[in-house]
């Protein structure tokens, strides 16, 4: 059972440039992104099946997860 993650922007650097990666269902978004080496606090928005969720959302089989990074500037 897997979910598909779509990192955007700088987050793709943590997945070797891949725009789609899979993760095991039954774990939180926070746990999964940490395994990829992403600091969870740089994720500004988590969309699961196009609905906003927290980083503590537990992934379900077939979930489509979009990860959007914090945008900085100055």
C-alpha atoms as a PDB file:
ATOM      1  CA  UNK A   1       0.000   0.000   0.000  1.00  0.00           C
ATOM      2  CA  UNK A   2       1.535   3.270  -1.117  1.00  0.00           C
ATOM      3  CA  UNK A   3       0.901   6.965  -1.516  1.00  0.00           C
ATOM      4  CA  UNK A   4       2.450   9.211  -4.154  1.00  0.00           C
ATOM      5  CA  UNK A   5       4.267  12.377  -3.109  1.00  0.00           C
ATOM      6  CA  UNK A   6       4.854  15.318  -5.431  1.00  0.00           C
ATOM      7  CA  UNK A   7       7.487  17.693  -4.036  1.00  0.00           C
ATOM      8  CA  UNK A   8       7.551  21.167  -5.591  1.00  0.00           C
ATOM      9  CA  UNK A   9      10.323  23.739  -5.860  1.00  0.00           C
ATOM     10  CA  UNK A  10      13.337  23.286  -3.640  1.00  0.00           C
ATOM     11  CA  UNK A  11      11.816  20.135  -2.122  1.00  0.00           C
ATOM     12  CA  UNK A  12      12.703  18.240  -5.297  1.00  0.00           C
ATOM     13  CA  UNK A  13      16.376  18.535  -4.349  1.00  0.00           C
ATOM     14  CA  UNK A  14      15.644  16.039  -1.551  1.00  0.00           C
ATOM     15  CA  UNK A  15      14.288  13.501  -4.065  1.00  0.00           C
ATOM     16  CA  UNK A  16      17.159  13.774  -6.566  1.00  0.00           C
ATOM     17  CA  UNK A  17      15.013  15.957  -8.819  1.00  0.00           C
ATOM     18  CA  UNK A  18      12.168  13.452  -9.041  1.00  0.00           C
ATOM     19  CA  UNK A  19       8.735  15.029  -9.185  1.00  0.00           C
ATOM     20  CA  UNK A  20       6.941  11.832  -8.093  1.00  0.00           C
ATOM     21  CA  UNK A  21       8.048   9.507  -5.303  1.00  0.00           C
ATOM     22  CA  UNK A  22       6.210   6.769  -3.462  1.00  0.00           C
ATOM     23  CA  UNK A  23       5.897   6.222   0.256  1.00  0.00           C
ATOM     24  CA  UNK A  24       4.364   3.509   2.392  1.00  0.00           C
ATOM     25  CA  UNK A  25       0.856   4.147   3.650  1.00  0.00           C
ATOM     26  CA  UNK A  26       0.266   4.073   7.398  1.00  0.00           C
ATOM     27  CA  UNK A  27       2.948   6.633   8.233  1.00  0.00           C
ATOM     28  CA  UNK A  28       2.657  10.382   8.700  1.00  0.00           C
ATOM     29  CA  UNK A  29       3.757  12.934   6.146  1.00  0.00           C
ATOM     30  CA  UNK A  30       6.277  14.178   8.731  1.00  0.00           C
ATOM     31  CA  UNK A  31       7.832  10.707   9.074  1.00  0.00           C
ATOM     32  CA  UNK A  32       8.086  10.215   5.321  1.00  0.00           C
ATOM     33  CA  UNK A  33       9.615  13.588   4.471  1.00  0.00           C
ATOM     34  CA  UNK A  34      12.135  13.201   7.294  1.00  0.00           C
ATOM     35  CA  UNK A  35      13.307   9.935   5.719  1.00  0.00           C
ATOM     36  CA  UNK A  36      13.952  11.851   2.484  1.00  0.00           C
ATOM     37  CA  UNK A  37      16.052  14.294   4.506  1.00  0.00           C
ATOM     38  CA  UNK A  38      13.548  17.156   4.253  1.00  0.00           C
ATOM     39  CA  UNK A  39      13.208  19.311   7.341  1.00  0.00           C
ATOM     40  CA  UNK A  40       9.431  19.202   7.950  1.00  0.00           C
ATOM     41  CA  UNK A  41       9.354  22.887   8.905  1.00  0.00           C
ATOM     42  CA  UNK A  42      10.246  23.965   5.342  1.00  0.00           C
ATOM     43  CA  UNK A  43       6.988  22.473   4.081  1.00  0.00           C
ATOM     44  CA  UNK A  44       4.445  25.269   4.065  1.00  0.00           C
ATOM     45  CA  UNK A  45       1.516  23.342   2.607  1.00  0.00           C
ATOM     46  CA  UNK A  46       0.493  19.698   2.398  1.00  0.00           C
ATOM     47  CA  UNK A  47      -2.334  18.881  -0.006  1.00  0.00           C
ATOM     48  CA  UNK A  48      -3.703  15.349   0.139  1.00  0.00           C
ATOM     49  CA  UNK A  49      -6.065  14.571  -2.714  1.00  0.00           C
ATOM     50  CA  UNK A  50      -6.255  18.367  -3.208  1.00  0.00           C
ATOM     51  CA  UNK A  51      -7.379  18.969   0.396  1.00  0.00           C
ATOM     52  CA  UNK A  52      -5.146  20.793   2.925  1.00  0.00           C
ATOM     53  CA  UNK A  53      -3.768  18.563   5.680  1.00  0.00           C
ATOM     54  CA  UNK A  54      -1.190  18.861   8.440  1.00  0.00           C
ATOM     55  CA  UNK A  55       2.247  17.279   8.417  1.00  0.00           C
ATOM     56  CA  UNK A  56       0.864  14.784  10.944  1.00  0.00           C
ATOM     57  CA  UNK A  57      -1.658  13.372   8.461  1.00  0.00           C
ATOM     58  CA  UNK A  58      -1.401   9.571   8.267  1.00  0.00           C
ATOM     59  CA  UNK A  59      -0.989   8.490   4.649  1.00  0.00           C
ATOM     60  CA  UNK A  60      -3.597   6.172   3.174  1.00  0.00           C
ATOM     61  CA  UNK A  61      -3.288   3.821   0.220  1.00  0.00           C
ATOM     62  CA  UNK A  62      -3.668   5.726  -3.038  1.00  0.00           C
ATOM     63  CA  UNK A  63      -3.240   9.216  -1.538  1.00  0.00           C
ATOM     64  CA  UNK A  64      -1.875  11.855  -3.896  1.00  0.00           C
ATOM     65  CA  UNK A  65       0.210  14.279  -1.813  1.00  0.00           C
ATOM     66  CA  UNK A  66       1.529  17.638  -2.983  1.00  0.00           C
ATOM     67  CA  UNK A  67       4.283  19.213  -0.886  1.00  0.00           C
ATOM     68  CA  UNK A  68       4.856  22.954  -1.233  1.00  0.00           C
ATOM     69  CA  UNK A  69       7.920  24.605   0.314  1.00  0.00           C
ATOM     70  CA  UNK A  70       8.115  27.824   2.254  1.00  0.00           C
ATOM     71  CA  UNK A  71       8.929  30.670  -0.115  1.00  0.00           C
ATOM     72  CA  UNK A  72      11.577  33.079   1.082  1.00  0.00           C
ATOM     73  CA  UNK A  73      12.844  36.308  -0.283  1.00  0.00           C
ATOM     74  CA  UNK A  74      14.013  39.687   0.654  1.00  0.00           C
END
